[in-house]
Amino acid sequence: MNFEGKVAVVTGGYSGIGKAIAETLAKDGADIALVGLGPKEEALESISSMGVKVKAYDCDVSDFEKSGSVITEILADFGRIDFLINNAGICKDNLVLKMEESDFDAVISVNLKGAFNMIKHTYKMFMKQRSGRIVNMASIVGLNGNAGQANYSASKAGLIGVTKSVARELAARNVTVNAIAPGYIDTAMTQALSDKIKDEIAASIPMKRRGKPEDVANVVKFLCSDMASYVTGEVIRVDGGIAM
C-alpha cells in the first residue's frame, strides 16, 4: 500500500495500539500527527526514522475546545487530514456496586465524547474534501459486555453507535467510518496482569493466544486503504475468535 501524501491523525498514539497504528501507516508513507498525553519520545523517534513527517500534540481529547485547537494546529502544520484514528481510551474498572460516579463519567468522557470531539472538529473538512477515513477503536466488551466494566462497555457500545450514525451521514461524501473491536491485546494494560490471569485469558481464546498491537494496526491499514473504499459502518472484531 502507498500512503505517500496522506496525513493520519492518531489519538492515543504515544504508546500501545495507537503507536503500532501510527508506525504501520508511516511504514507505507503516511505523515503522522500523534495526539496524546504522557511520554512521546519513543513514538516520535520510531516514526521519524521511517522518513515521514511526524509531530506530537499533547491533548486530552475529552476537552472539546482543546480538541478543536489541536485539529486547527494539525491542519496548519500538515495542510490536510486523510485518516482520523480515534484510539484514545482509558479504563477504570469496578463492579457497579463499587464504581464511583466520577469513574463512570471519566471513561465516557475520554472514550466516547473524545471520539465525538475529534469527529466534530474534522467533519466539515472531510465533507469539503470529499474523501477520508475515520476508524474508531471500539472493543469486544462493547459488543458483549463484561462484569466490572459497565463504564468501559457503555463507552465502546456508544462508540459503535456513533460509528454507524456518522457513516450514514458522510457516505455520500466518500468518507468511510468504521470501528474495530479488539479482544485481549498485549499492551501495558494487559501485561500488568498476573501470569495466571494471562494464561486463563489465552485459554479462553479459540486461537489460544493474545493478540498483538500489530494485529489491530493491520486492520486499520486495510480500512484506510483503497481496498476498503466500499466498506463503511462496519465493526470488525480482532479477537482471535473469542466473541464469535
Protein backbone atom coordinates (compact mmCIF):
# COMPACT_ATOMS: atom_id res chain seq x y z
CA MET A 1 0.00 0.00 0.00
CA ASN A 2 1.16 3.53 -0.69
CA PHE A 3 0.03 6.27 1.69
CA GLU A 4 2.54 8.87 0.50
CA GLY A 5 0.96 12.31 0.58
CA LYS A 6 -1.61 11.18 3.14
CA VAL A 7 -1.85 12.51 6.69
CA ALA A 8 -3.04 10.39 9.60
CA VAL A 9 -4.18 11.68 12.98
CA VAL A 10 -3.86 9.01 15.67
CA THR A 11 -5.22 9.74 19.13
CA GLY A 12 -3.70 7.82 21.99
CA GLY A 13 -0.78 7.48 19.61
CA TYR A 14 2.13 7.71 22.03
CA SER A 15 2.08 4.05 23.06
CA GLY A 16 0.39 0.67 22.76
CA ILE A 17 -2.09 0.08 19.95
CA GLY A 18 -2.03 3.73 18.90
CA LYS A 19 1.75 3.72 18.46
CA ALA A 20 1.55 0.48 16.46
CA ILE A 21 -1.11 2.02 14.21
CA ALA A 22 0.97 5.13 13.63
CA GLU A 23 4.08 3.08 12.84
CA THR A 24 2.17 0.81 10.45
CA LEU A 25 0.72 3.74 8.49
CA ALA A 26 4.09 5.50 8.48
CA LYS A 27 5.80 2.43 7.00
CA ASP A 28 3.59 2.92 3.96
CA GLY A 29 4.47 6.60 3.69
CA ALA A 30 1.77 8.43 5.66
CA ASP A 31 2.73 11.54 7.60
CA ILE A 32 1.65 11.23 11.22
CA ALA A 33 0.09 13.61 13.74
CA LEU A 34 0.15 11.97 17.17
CA VAL A 35 -2.36 13.17 19.75
CA GLY A 36 -1.99 12.01 23.32
CA LEU A 37 -0.73 12.52 26.85
CA GLY A 38 2.39 11.24 28.56
CA PRO A 39 5.82 10.23 27.24
CA LYS A 40 6.04 10.56 23.46
CA GLU A 41 9.75 10.47 22.67
CA GLU A 42 9.86 6.76 21.77
CA ALA A 43 6.97 7.07 19.33
CA LEU A 44 8.43 10.20 17.72
CA GLU A 45 11.85 8.60 17.31
CA SER A 46 10.43 5.40 15.86
CA ILE A 47 8.18 7.12 13.34
CA SER A 48 10.66 9.81 12.30
CA SER A 49 13.19 7.05 11.47
CA MET A 50 10.80 5.96 8.68
CA GLY A 51 11.41 9.18 6.79
CA VAL A 52 7.94 10.67 7.17
CA LYS A 53 6.82 13.88 8.82
CA VAL A 54 5.65 13.37 12.40
CA LYS A 55 4.62 15.73 15.15
CA ALA A 56 3.09 15.21 18.59
CA TYR A 57 0.26 17.23 20.12
CA ASP A 58 -0.44 16.93 23.84
CA CYS A 59 -4.20 16.90 24.28
CA ASP A 60 -6.91 15.44 26.49
CA VAL A 61 -9.43 14.56 23.79
CA SER A 62 -12.31 14.83 26.27
CA ASP A 63 -11.74 18.61 26.23
CA PHE A 64 -13.90 19.92 23.38
CA GLU A 65 -12.14 23.28 22.97
CA LYS A 66 -8.63 21.83 23.21
CA SER A 67 -9.50 19.12 20.67
CA GLY A 68 -10.64 21.81 18.26
CA SER A 69 -7.45 23.81 18.77
CA VAL A 70 -5.31 20.73 18.11
CA ILE A 71 -7.12 19.97 14.85
CA THR A 72 -6.56 23.58 13.78
CA GLU A 73 -2.85 23.20 14.60
CA ILE A 74 -2.58 19.93 12.68
CA LEU A 75 -4.21 21.42 9.60
CA ALA A 76 -1.84 24.38 9.78
CA ASP A 77 1.19 22.09 10.14
CA PHE A 78 0.24 19.35 7.65
CA GLY A 79 -2.23 21.05 5.30
CA ARG A 80 -4.79 18.23 5.33
CA ILE A 81 -6.08 15.18 7.21
CA ASP A 82 -6.91 11.96 5.37
CA PHE A 83 -7.20 9.43 8.19
CA LEU A 84 -8.63 10.05 11.66
CA ILE A 85 -7.96 7.17 14.06
CA ASN A 86 -9.86 7.59 17.33
CA ASN A 87 -7.85 5.28 19.56
CA ALA A 88 -7.52 7.23 22.83
CA GLY A 89 -9.10 5.42 25.74
CA ILE A 90 -8.93 4.76 29.46
CA CYS A 91 -10.46 2.23 31.82
CA LYS A 92 -11.49 2.49 35.47
CA ASP A 93 -12.87 -0.95 36.19
CA ASN A 94 -15.09 -1.92 39.09
CA LEU A 95 -18.40 -3.55 39.81
CA VAL A 96 -21.27 -1.06 39.56
CA LEU A 97 -21.81 -1.59 43.30
CA LYS A 98 -18.38 -0.07 43.98
CA MET A 99 -17.95 2.18 40.94
CA GLU A 100 -17.69 5.89 41.65
CA GLU A 101 -19.75 8.26 39.53
CA SER A 102 -16.55 10.10 38.64
CA ASP A 103 -15.04 6.89 37.26
CA PHE A 104 -18.07 6.29 35.06
CA ASP A 105 -18.03 9.89 33.80
CA ALA A 106 -14.26 9.91 33.13
CA VAL A 107 -14.36 6.80 30.93
CA ILE A 108 -17.36 8.06 28.94
CA SER A 109 -15.69 11.46 28.53
CA VAL A 110 -12.46 10.12 27.07
CA ASN A 111 -13.58 7.01 25.18
CA LEU A 112 -16.87 8.24 23.75
CA LYS A 113 -17.02 12.02 23.91
CA GLY A 114 -13.34 12.23 22.97
CA ALA A 115 -14.05 10.48 19.68
CA PHE A 116 -17.09 12.71 19.13
CA ASN A 117 -14.92 15.79 19.72
CA MET A 118 -12.34 14.76 17.14
CA ILE A 119 -15.01 13.82 14.59
CA LYS A 120 -16.89 17.06 15.20
CA HIS A 121 -13.79 19.19 14.58
CA THR A 122 -12.85 17.37 11.36
CA TYR A 123 -16.38 16.88 10.00
CA LYS A 124 -16.60 19.96 7.76
CA MET A 125 -13.10 19.37 6.46
CA PHE A 126 -13.95 15.79 5.42
CA MET A 127 -17.18 17.00 3.78
CA LYS A 128 -15.38 19.63 1.73
CA GLN A 129 -12.53 17.28 0.91
CA ARG A 130 -14.97 14.58 -0.26
CA SER A 131 -12.61 11.87 0.87
CA GLY A 132 -11.30 10.41 4.08
CA ARG A 133 -11.28 7.55 6.53
CA ILE A 134 -12.41 7.54 10.14
CA VAL A 135 -11.60 4.49 12.26
CA ASN A 136 -12.91 4.26 15.81
CA MET A 137 -11.41 1.88 18.35
CA ALA A 138 -14.29 0.01 20.00
CA SER A 139 -13.92 -3.31 21.86
CA ILE A 140 -15.49 -6.74 22.10
CA VAL A 141 -16.62 -5.50 25.52
CA GLY A 142 -18.80 -3.01 23.66
CA LEU A 143 -20.45 -5.96 21.90
CA ASN A 144 -20.71 -8.48 24.73
CA GLY A 145 -20.38 -6.51 27.96
CA ASN A 146 -18.12 -7.59 30.81
CA ALA A 147 -18.54 -7.74 34.57
CA GLY A 148 -16.71 -4.89 36.23
CA GLN A 149 -16.61 -2.79 33.09
CA ALA A 150 -20.03 -1.15 32.84
CA ASN A 151 -18.44 2.24 32.11
CA TYR A 152 -15.97 0.88 29.55
CA SER A 153 -18.63 -1.30 27.90
CA ALA A 154 -21.02 1.64 27.68
CA SER A 155 -18.35 3.87 26.12
CA LYS A 156 -17.43 1.30 23.48
CA ALA A 157 -21.04 0.35 22.69
CA GLY A 158 -21.79 4.05 22.32
CA LEU A 159 -18.81 4.44 20.01
CA ILE A 160 -20.23 1.72 17.76
CA GLY A 161 -23.47 3.71 17.58
CA VAL A 162 -21.56 6.87 16.72
CA THR A 163 -19.65 4.96 14.04
CA LYS A 164 -22.77 3.72 12.29
CA SER A 165 -24.54 7.09 12.51
CA VAL A 166 -21.61 9.13 11.18
CA ALA A 167 -21.02 6.52 8.47
CA ARG A 168 -24.54 7.20 7.21
CA GLU A 169 -24.01 10.96 7.37
CA LEU A 170 -20.73 11.00 5.44
CA ALA A 171 -21.18 8.12 3.00
CA ALA A 172 -22.32 10.35 0.13
CA ARG A 173 -19.14 12.42 0.59
CA ASN A 174 -16.91 9.39 0.01
CA VAL A 175 -15.84 9.32 3.65
CA THR A 176 -15.90 5.89 5.29
CA VAL A 177 -16.40 5.41 9.02
CA ASN A 178 -15.69 2.05 10.63
CA ALA A 179 -14.94 0.58 14.03
CA ILE A 180 -12.55 -2.10 15.21
CA ALA A 181 -13.40 -4.24 18.23
CA PRO A 182 -10.18 -5.68 19.65
CA GLY A 183 -10.18 -8.56 22.08
CA TYR A 184 -7.34 -9.23 24.50
CA ILE A 185 -4.30 -7.45 23.04
CA ASP A 186 -0.84 -7.42 24.61
CA THR A 187 -0.42 -3.85 25.82
CA ALA A 188 0.88 -2.27 29.03
CA MET A 189 -2.63 -2.63 30.44
CA THR A 190 -2.83 -6.40 29.94
CA GLN A 191 0.86 -7.03 30.63
CA ALA A 192 0.29 -5.76 34.17
CA LEU A 193 -1.95 -8.77 34.87
CA SER A 194 -0.59 -11.79 36.70
CA ASP A 195 0.77 -14.71 34.66
CA LYS A 196 -2.11 -16.84 35.94
CA ILE A 197 -4.73 -14.44 34.65
CA LYS A 198 -2.91 -14.03 31.33
CA ASP A 199 -2.82 -17.81 30.92
CA GLU A 200 -6.54 -18.04 31.73
CA ILE A 201 -7.30 -15.37 29.14
CA ALA A 202 -5.24 -17.14 26.48
CA ALA A 203 -7.01 -20.43 27.24
CA SER A 204 -10.41 -18.78 26.69
CA ILE A 205 -9.46 -17.57 23.20
CA PRO A 206 -10.13 -20.05 20.37
CA MET A 207 -6.76 -19.18 18.80
CA LYS A 208 -5.11 -19.79 22.22
CA ARG A 209 -3.08 -16.59 22.25
CA ARG A 210 -3.48 -12.94 23.00
CA GLY A 211 -3.31 -10.53 20.11
CA LYS A 212 -0.53 -8.09 19.30
CA PRO A 213 -0.97 -4.36 18.68
CA GLU A 214 0.14 -5.01 15.11
CA ASP A 215 -2.86 -7.31 14.60
CA VAL A 216 -5.11 -4.31 15.16
CA ALA A 217 -2.86 -1.92 13.23
CA ASN A 218 -3.01 -4.08 10.12
CA VAL A 219 -6.80 -3.91 10.07
CA VAL A 220 -6.61 -0.13 10.43
CA LYS A 221 -4.25 -0.09 7.44
CA PHE A 222 -6.74 -2.06 5.40
CA LEU A 223 -9.63 0.25 6.34
CA CYS A 224 -7.56 3.29 5.36
CA SER A 225 -6.60 1.81 2.00
CA ASP A 226 -8.38 1.93 -1.33
CA MET A 227 -9.15 -1.77 -0.89
CA ALA A 228 -11.73 -0.77 1.73
CA SER A 229 -13.28 2.08 -0.25
CA TYR A 230 -16.69 0.37 -0.24
CA VAL A 231 -16.63 -0.63 3.44
CA THR A 232 -18.40 1.69 5.86
CA GLY A 233 -20.42 1.41 9.06
CA GLU A 234 -18.76 -1.89 9.91
CA VAL A 235 -17.47 -3.26 13.21
CA ILE A 236 -14.55 -5.62 12.65
CA ARG A 237 -13.56 -7.89 15.52
CA VAL A 238 -9.85 -8.54 16.04
CA ASP A 239 -10.13 -11.01 18.89
CA GLY A 240 -8.88 -14.44 17.92
CA GLY A 241 -12.46 -15.65 17.81
CA ILE A 242 -13.42 -15.03 21.43
CA ALA A 243 -16.62 -13.14 20.60
CA MET A 244 -17.90 -15.32 17.77
